[in-house]
């Protein structure tokens, strides 16, 4: 989990870029979850697609399940 103050920062970008390239090289799909709608567009830039939107149990907090399929 990435601390709120570091979300969409260079540190987050660097970590995502590292793993993203690793997954590409290995031909694997990648799954992630976010509870912040602002992050959805950010992850879509990397080829992730929203697979499901739901609510966290017992809350009104939206939950986005995203997948980047192997190519």
PDB file of N, CA and C in Angstrom:
ATOM      1  N   UNK A   1       0.836  -1.171   0.000  1.00  0.00           N
ATOM      2  CA  UNK A   1       0.000   0.000   0.000  1.00  0.00           C
ATOM      3  C   UNK A   1       0.885   1.240   0.000  1.00  0.00           C
ATOM      4  N   UNK A   2       0.472   2.245  -0.742  1.00  0.00           N
ATOM      5  CA  UNK A   2       1.243   3.475  -0.850  1.00  0.00           C
ATOM      6  C   UNK A   2       0.594   4.537   0.023  1.00  0.00           C
ATOM      7  N   UNK A   3       1.406   5.200   0.843  1.00  0.00           N
ATOM      8  CA  UNK A   3       0.898   6.253   1.725  1.00  0.00           C
ATOM      9  C   UNK A   3       0.225   7.347   0.908  1.00  0.00           C
ATOM     10  N   UNK A   4      -0.848   7.918   1.447  1.00  0.00           N
ATOM     11  CA  UNK A   4      -1.623   8.941   0.742  1.00  0.00           C
ATOM     12  C   UNK A   4      -0.740  10.069   0.233  1.00  0.00           C
ATOM     13  N   UNK A   5       0.188  10.535   1.053  1.00  0.00           N
ATOM     14  CA  UNK A   5       1.030  11.667   0.644  1.00  0.00           C
ATOM     15  C   UNK A   5       1.939  11.323  -0.538  1.00  0.00           C
ATOM     16  N   UNK A   6       2.186  10.026  -0.788  1.00  0.00           N
ATOM     17  CA  UNK A   6       3.069   9.616  -1.881  1.00  0.00           C
ATOM     18  C   UNK A   6       2.335   9.111  -3.115  1.00  0.00           C
ATOM     19  N   UNK A   7       1.016   9.072  -3.051  1.00  0.00           N
ATOM     20  CA  UNK A   7       0.262   8.576  -4.188  1.00  0.00           C
ATOM     21  C   UNK A   7       0.479   9.486  -5.380  1.00  0.00           C
ATOM     22  N   UNK A   8       0.660   8.885  -6.540  1.00  0.00           N
ATOM     23  CA  UNK A   8       0.893   9.568  -7.805  1.00  0.00           C
ATOM     24  C   UNK A   8       2.139  10.453  -7.762  1.00  0.00           C
ATOM     25  N   UNK A   9       3.055  10.155  -6.894  1.00  0.00           N
ATOM     26  CA  UNK A   9       4.306  10.886  -6.823  1.00  0.00           C
ATOM     27  C   UNK A   9       5.347  10.157  -7.660  1.00  0.00           C
ATOM     28  N   UNK A  10       6.542  10.711  -7.726  1.00  0.00           N
ATOM     29  CA  UNK A  10       7.609  10.054  -8.470  1.00  0.00           C
ATOM     30  C   UNK A  10       7.915   8.680  -7.894  1.00  0.00           C
ATOM     31  N   UNK A  11       7.889   8.553  -6.563  1.00  0.00           N
ATOM     32  CA  UNK A  11       8.174   7.269  -5.919  1.00  0.00           C
ATOM     33  C   UNK A  11       7.169   6.211  -6.374  1.00  0.00           C
ATOM     34  N   UNK A  12       5.903   6.576  -6.375  1.00  0.00           N
ATOM     35  CA  UNK A  12       4.870   5.647  -6.825  1.00  0.00           C
ATOM     36  C   UNK A  12       5.095   5.284  -8.282  1.00  0.00           C
ATOM     37  N   UNK A  13       5.378   6.293  -9.094  1.00  0.00           N
ATOM     38  CA  UNK A  13       5.624   6.072 -10.517  1.00  0.00           C
ATOM     39  C   UNK A  13       6.795   5.122 -10.717  1.00  0.00           C
ATOM     40  N   UNK A  14       7.879   5.340 -10.000  1.00  0.00           N
ATOM     41  CA  UNK A  14       9.079   4.510 -10.149  1.00  0.00           C
ATOM     42  C   UNK A  14       8.795   3.061  -9.775  1.00  0.00           C
ATOM     43  N   UNK A  15       8.072   2.844  -8.689  1.00  0.00           N
ATOM     44  CA  UNK A  15       7.732   1.478  -8.263  1.00  0.00           C
ATOM     45  C   UNK A  15       6.834   0.802  -9.288  1.00  0.00           C
ATOM     46  N   UNK A  16       5.818   1.522  -9.739  1.00  0.00           N
ATOM     47  CA  UNK A  16       4.902   0.952 -10.719  1.00  0.00           C
ATOM     48  C   UNK A  16       5.634   0.653 -12.023  1.00  0.00           C
ATOM     49  N   UNK A  17       6.481   1.564 -12.452  1.00  0.00           N
ATOM     50  CA  UNK A  17       7.231   1.365 -13.690  1.00  0.00           C
ATOM     51  C   UNK A  17       8.129   0.133 -13.600  1.00  0.00           C
ATOM     52  N   UNK A  18       8.788  -0.065 -12.473  1.00  0.00           N
ATOM     53  CA  UNK A  18       9.660  -1.229 -12.283  1.00  0.00           C
ATOM     54  C   UNK A  18       8.865  -2.522 -12.439  1.00  0.00           C
ATOM     55  N   UNK A  19       7.771  -2.632 -11.693  1.00  0.00           N
ATOM     56  CA  UNK A  19       6.980  -3.856 -11.744  1.00  0.00           C
ATOM     57  C   UNK A  19       6.270  -4.014 -13.081  1.00  0.00           C
ATOM     58  N   UNK A  20       5.827  -2.902 -13.635  1.00  0.00           N
ATOM     59  CA  UNK A  20       5.161  -2.947 -14.934  1.00  0.00           C
ATOM     60  C   UNK A  20       6.089  -3.543 -15.980  1.00  0.00           C
ATOM     61  N   UNK A  21       7.321  -3.088 -16.044  1.00  0.00           N
ATOM     62  CA  UNK A  21       8.286  -3.617 -17.012  1.00  0.00           C
ATOM     63  C   UNK A  21       8.601  -5.085 -16.738  1.00  0.00           C
ATOM     64  N   UNK A  22       8.665  -5.453 -15.478  1.00  0.00           N
ATOM     65  CA  UNK A  22       8.923  -6.842 -15.101  1.00  0.00           C
ATOM     66  C   UNK A  22       7.794  -7.733 -15.601  1.00  0.00           C
ATOM     67  N   UNK A  23       6.536  -7.294 -15.365  1.00  0.00           N
ATOM     68  CA  UNK A  23       5.388  -8.088 -15.817  1.00  0.00           C
ATOM     69  C   UNK A  23       5.366  -8.195 -17.333  1.00  0.00           C
ATOM     70  N   UNK A  24       5.695  -7.103 -18.023  1.00  0.00           N
ATOM     71  CA  UNK A  24       5.722  -7.131 -19.485  1.00  0.00           C
ATOM     72  C   UNK A  24       6.743  -8.144 -19.982  1.00  0.00           C
ATOM     73  N   UNK A  25       7.927  -8.079 -19.399  1.00  0.00           N
ATOM     74  CA  UNK A  25       9.011  -8.979 -19.787  1.00  0.00           C
ATOM     75  C   UNK A  25       8.631 -10.435 -19.566  1.00  0.00           C
ATOM     76  N   UNK A  26       7.946 -10.696 -18.473  1.00  0.00           N
ATOM     77  CA  UNK A  26       7.592 -12.052 -18.104  1.00  0.00           C
ATOM     78  C   UNK A  26       6.273 -12.506 -18.739  1.00  0.00           C
ATOM     79  N   UNK A  27       5.574 -11.597 -19.419  1.00  0.00           N
ATOM     80  CA  UNK A  27       4.323 -11.932 -20.076  1.00  0.00           C
ATOM     81  C   UNK A  27       3.192 -12.274 -19.124  1.00  0.00           C
ATOM     82  N   UNK A  28       3.174 -11.632 -17.971  1.00  0.00           N
ATOM     83  CA  UNK A  28       2.150 -11.928 -16.968  1.00  0.00           C
ATOM     84  C   UNK A  28       1.078 -10.835 -16.914  1.00  0.00           C
ATOM     85  N   UNK A  29      -0.089 -11.245 -16.504  1.00  0.00           N
ATOM     86  CA  UNK A  29      -1.144 -10.282 -16.211  1.00  0.00           C
ATOM     87  C   UNK A  29      -0.873  -9.670 -14.842  1.00  0.00           C
ATOM     88  N   UNK A  30      -1.447  -8.516 -14.604  1.00  0.00           N
ATOM     89  CA  UNK A  30      -1.274  -7.842 -13.324  1.00  0.00           C
ATOM     90  C   UNK A  30      -2.623  -7.345 -12.842  1.00  0.00           C
ATOM     91  N   UNK A  31      -2.905  -7.551 -11.572  1.00  0.00           N
ATOM     92  CA  UNK A  31      -4.167  -7.163 -10.948  1.00  0.00           C
ATOM     93  C   UNK A  31      -3.876  -6.177  -9.830  1.00  0.00           C
ATOM     94  N   UNK A  32      -4.726  -5.158  -9.709  1.00  0.00           N
ATOM     95  CA  UNK A  32      -4.578  -4.233  -8.588  1.00  0.00           C
ATOM     96  C   UNK A  32      -5.950  -3.775  -8.128  1.00  0.00           C
ATOM     97  N   UNK A  33      -5.973  -3.215  -6.950  1.00  0.00           N
ATOM     98  CA  UNK A  33      -7.201  -2.670  -6.377  1.00  0.00           C
ATOM     99  C   UNK A  33      -6.917  -1.259  -5.891  1.00  0.00           C
ATOM    100  N   UNK A  34      -7.902  -0.397  -6.052  1.00  0.00           N
ATOM    101  CA  UNK A  34      -7.802   0.954  -5.510  1.00  0.00           C
ATOM    102  C   UNK A  34      -9.154   1.357  -4.958  1.00  0.00           C
ATOM    103  N   UNK A  35      -9.123   2.222  -3.981  1.00  0.00           N
ATOM    104  CA  UNK A  35     -10.354   2.723  -3.374  1.00  0.00           C
ATOM    105  C   UNK A  35     -10.525   4.202  -3.676  1.00  0.00           C
ATOM    106  N   UNK A  36      -9.681   4.713  -4.561  1.00  0.00           N
ATOM    107  CA  UNK A  36      -9.709   6.130  -4.899  1.00  0.00           C
ATOM    108  C   UNK A  36      -9.976   6.284  -6.390  1.00  0.00           C
ATOM    109  N   UNK A  37     -11.113   6.864  -6.737  1.00  0.00           N
ATOM    110  CA  UNK A  37     -11.492   7.021  -8.132  1.00  0.00           C
ATOM    111  C   UNK A  37     -10.443   7.796  -8.932  1.00  0.00           C
ATOM    112  N   UNK A  38      -9.764   8.758  -8.298  1.00  0.00           N
ATOM    113  CA  UNK A  38      -8.725   9.537  -8.993  1.00  0.00           C
ATOM    114  C   UNK A  38      -7.613   8.648  -9.536  1.00  0.00           C
ATOM    115  N   UNK A  39      -7.362   7.513  -8.891  1.00  0.00           N
ATOM    116  CA  UNK A  39      -6.282   6.626  -9.326  1.00  0.00           C
ATOM    117  C   UNK A  39      -6.636   5.807 -10.563  1.00  0.00           C
ATOM    118  N   UNK A  40      -7.917   5.668 -10.853  1.00  0.00           N
ATOM    119  CA  UNK A  40      -8.343   4.832 -11.976  1.00  0.00           C
ATOM    120  C   UNK A  40      -7.724   5.334 -13.282  1.00  0.00           C
ATOM    121  N   UNK A  41      -7.834   6.619 -13.581  1.00  0.00           N
ATOM    122  CA  UNK A  41      -7.269   7.180 -14.807  1.00  0.00           C
ATOM    123  C   UNK A  41      -5.753   7.018 -14.843  1.00  0.00           C
ATOM    124  N   UNK A  42      -5.119   7.154 -13.690  1.00  0.00           N
ATOM    125  CA  UNK A  42      -3.668   6.979 -13.597  1.00  0.00           C
ATOM    126  C   UNK A  42      -3.262   5.573 -14.029  1.00  0.00           C
ATOM    127  N   UNK A  43      -3.948   4.562 -13.522  1.00  0.00           N
ATOM    128  CA  UNK A  43      -3.620   3.185 -13.870  1.00  0.00           C
ATOM    129  C   UNK A  43      -4.031   2.831 -15.297  1.00  0.00           C
ATOM    130  N   UNK A  44      -5.058   3.487 -15.813  1.00  0.00           N
ATOM    131  CA  UNK A  44      -5.458   3.244 -17.201  1.00  0.00           C
ATOM    132  C   UNK A  44      -4.354   3.634 -18.174  1.00  0.00           C
ATOM    133  N   UNK A  45      -3.528   4.603 -17.812  1.00  0.00           N
ATOM    134  CA  UNK A  45      -2.387   5.001 -18.658  1.00  0.00           C
ATOM    135  C   UNK A  45      -1.417   3.838 -18.854  1.00  0.00           C
ATOM    136  N   UNK A  46      -1.417   2.900 -17.925  1.00  0.00           N
ATOM    137  CA  UNK A  46      -0.539   1.734 -17.992  1.00  0.00           C
ATOM    138  C   UNK A  46      -1.247   0.518 -18.578  1.00  0.00           C
ATOM    139  N   UNK A  47      -2.431   0.712 -19.109  1.00  0.00           N
ATOM    140  CA  UNK A  47      -3.132  -0.389 -19.758  1.00  0.00           C
ATOM    141  C   UNK A  47      -4.062  -1.187 -18.865  1.00  0.00           C
ATOM    142  N   UNK A  48      -4.260  -0.751 -17.631  1.00  0.00           N
ATOM    143  CA  UNK A  48      -5.187  -1.439 -16.738  1.00  0.00           C
ATOM    144  C   UNK A  48      -6.622  -1.085 -17.123  1.00  0.00           C
ATOM    145  N   UNK A  49      -7.511  -2.040 -16.980  1.00  0.00           N
ATOM    146  CA  UNK A  49      -8.930  -1.823 -17.232  1.00  0.00           C
ATOM    147  C   UNK A  49      -9.710  -2.167 -15.966  1.00  0.00           C
ATOM    148  N   UNK A  50     -10.736  -1.381 -15.712  1.00  0.00           N
ATOM    149  CA  UNK A  50     -11.587  -1.645 -14.548  1.00  0.00           C
ATOM    150  C   UNK A  50     -12.436  -2.868 -14.842  1.00  0.00           C
ATOM    151  N   UNK A  51     -12.311  -3.875 -14.000  1.00  0.00           N
ATOM    152  CA  UNK A  51     -13.046  -5.125 -14.180  1.00  0.00           C
ATOM    153  C   UNK A  51     -14.307  -5.170 -13.325  1.00  0.00           C
ATOM    154  N   UNK A  52     -14.254  -4.501 -12.180  1.00  0.00           N
ATOM    155  CA  UNK A  52     -15.399  -4.517 -11.274  1.00  0.00           C
ATOM    156  C   UNK A  52     -15.357  -3.297 -10.375  1.00  0.00           C
ATOM    157  N   UNK A  53     -16.542  -2.763 -10.102  1.00  0.00           N
ATOM    158  CA  UNK A  53     -16.683  -1.674  -9.144  1.00  0.00           C
ATOM    159  C   UNK A  53     -17.686  -2.141  -8.098  1.00  0.00           C
ATOM    160  N   UNK A  54     -17.304  -2.029  -6.855  1.00  0.00           N
ATOM    161  CA  UNK A  54     -18.193  -2.456  -5.777  1.00  0.00           C
ATOM    162  C   UNK A  54     -18.003  -1.570  -4.573  1.00  0.00           C
ATOM    163  N   UNK A  55     -18.634  -1.947  -3.499  1.00  0.00           N
ATOM    164  CA  UNK A  55     -18.483  -1.228  -2.241  1.00  0.00           C
ATOM    165  C   UNK A  55     -17.744  -2.108  -1.248  1.00  0.00           C
ATOM    166  N   UNK A  56     -16.867  -1.499  -0.489  1.00  0.00           N
ATOM    167  CA  UNK A  56     -16.212  -2.242   0.575  1.00  0.00           C
ATOM    168  C   UNK A  56     -17.277  -2.667   1.576  1.00  0.00           C
ATOM    169  N   UNK A  57     -17.205  -3.874   2.076  1.00  0.00           N
ATOM    170  CA  UNK A  57     -18.231  -4.372   3.005  1.00  0.00           C
ATOM    171  C   UNK A  57     -18.451  -3.430   4.193  1.00  0.00           C
ATOM    172  N   UNK A  58     -19.706  -3.139   4.445  1.00  0.00           N
ATOM    173  CA  UNK A  58     -20.069  -2.320   5.589  1.00  0.00           C
ATOM    174  C   UNK A  58     -19.790  -0.840   5.445  1.00  0.00           C
ATOM    175  N   UNK A  59     -19.455  -0.396   4.213  1.00  0.00           N
ATOM    176  CA  UNK A  59     -19.144   1.025   3.997  1.00  0.00           C
ATOM    177  C   UNK A  59     -19.816   1.510   2.718  1.00  0.00           C
ATOM    178  N   UNK A  60     -19.660   2.798   2.461  1.00  0.00           N
ATOM    179  CA  UNK A  60     -20.086   3.382   1.191  1.00  0.00           C
ATOM    180  C   UNK A  60     -18.873   3.708   0.328  1.00  0.00           C
ATOM    181  N   UNK A  61     -17.725   3.120   0.638  1.00  0.00           N
ATOM    182  CA  UNK A  61     -16.486   3.370  -0.084  1.00  0.00           C
ATOM    183  C   UNK A  61     -16.413   2.494  -1.323  1.00  0.00           C
ATOM    184  N   UNK A  62     -16.270   3.157  -2.486  1.00  0.00           N
ATOM    185  CA  UNK A  62     -16.162   2.395  -3.732  1.00  0.00           C
ATOM    186  C   UNK A  62     -14.822   1.679  -3.811  1.00  0.00           C
ATOM    187  N   UNK A  63     -14.849   0.565  -4.469  1.00  0.00           N
ATOM    188  CA  UNK A  63     -13.685  -0.306  -4.630  1.00  0.00           C
ATOM    189  C   UNK A  63     -13.567  -0.624  -6.117  1.00  0.00           C
ATOM    190  N   UNK A  64     -12.393  -0.416  -6.697  1.00  0.00           N
ATOM    191  CA  UNK A  64     -12.169  -0.650  -8.117  1.00  0.00           C
ATOM    192  C   UNK A  64     -11.151  -1.774  -8.285  1.00  0.00           C
ATOM    193  N   UNK A  65     -11.558  -2.835  -8.950  1.00  0.00           N
ATOM    194  CA  UNK A  65     -10.661  -3.944  -9.267  1.00  0.00           C
ATOM    195  C   UNK A  65     -10.204  -3.752 -10.702  1.00  0.00           C
ATOM    196  N   UNK A  66      -8.895  -3.725 -10.916  1.00  0.00           N
ATOM    197  CA  UNK A  66      -8.349  -3.430 -12.243  1.00  0.00           C
ATOM    198  C   UNK A  66      -7.385  -4.524 -12.683  1.00  0.00           C
ATOM    199  N   UNK A  67      -7.348  -4.755 -13.988  1.00  0.00           N
ATOM    200  CA  UNK A  67      -6.515  -5.818 -14.554  1.00  0.00           C
ATOM    201  C   UNK A  67      -5.807  -5.313 -15.794  1.00  0.00           C
ATOM    202  N   UNK A  68      -4.539  -5.649 -15.893  1.00  0.00           N
ATOM    203  CA  UNK A  68      -3.786  -5.454 -17.129  1.00  0.00           C
ATOM    204  C   UNK A  68      -3.434  -6.838 -17.624  1.00  0.00           C
ATOM    205  N   UNK A  69      -4.051  -7.227 -18.726  1.00  0.00           N
ATOM    206  CA  UNK A  69      -3.864  -8.586 -19.225  1.00  0.00           C
ATOM    207  C   UNK A  69      -2.523  -8.736 -19.924  1.00  0.00           C
ATOM    208  N   UNK A  70      -1.981  -9.939 -19.849  1.00  0.00           N
ATOM    209  CA  UNK A  70      -0.715 -10.239 -20.512  1.00  0.00           C
ATOM    210  C   UNK A  70      -0.885 -10.097 -22.011  1.00  0.00           C
ATOM    211  N   UNK A  71       0.173  -9.713 -22.662  1.00  0.00           N
ATOM    212  CA  UNK A  71       0.125  -9.548 -24.114  1.00  0.00           C
ATOM    213  C   UNK A  71       1.021 -10.538 -24.785  1.00  0.00           C
TER     214      UNK A  71
END
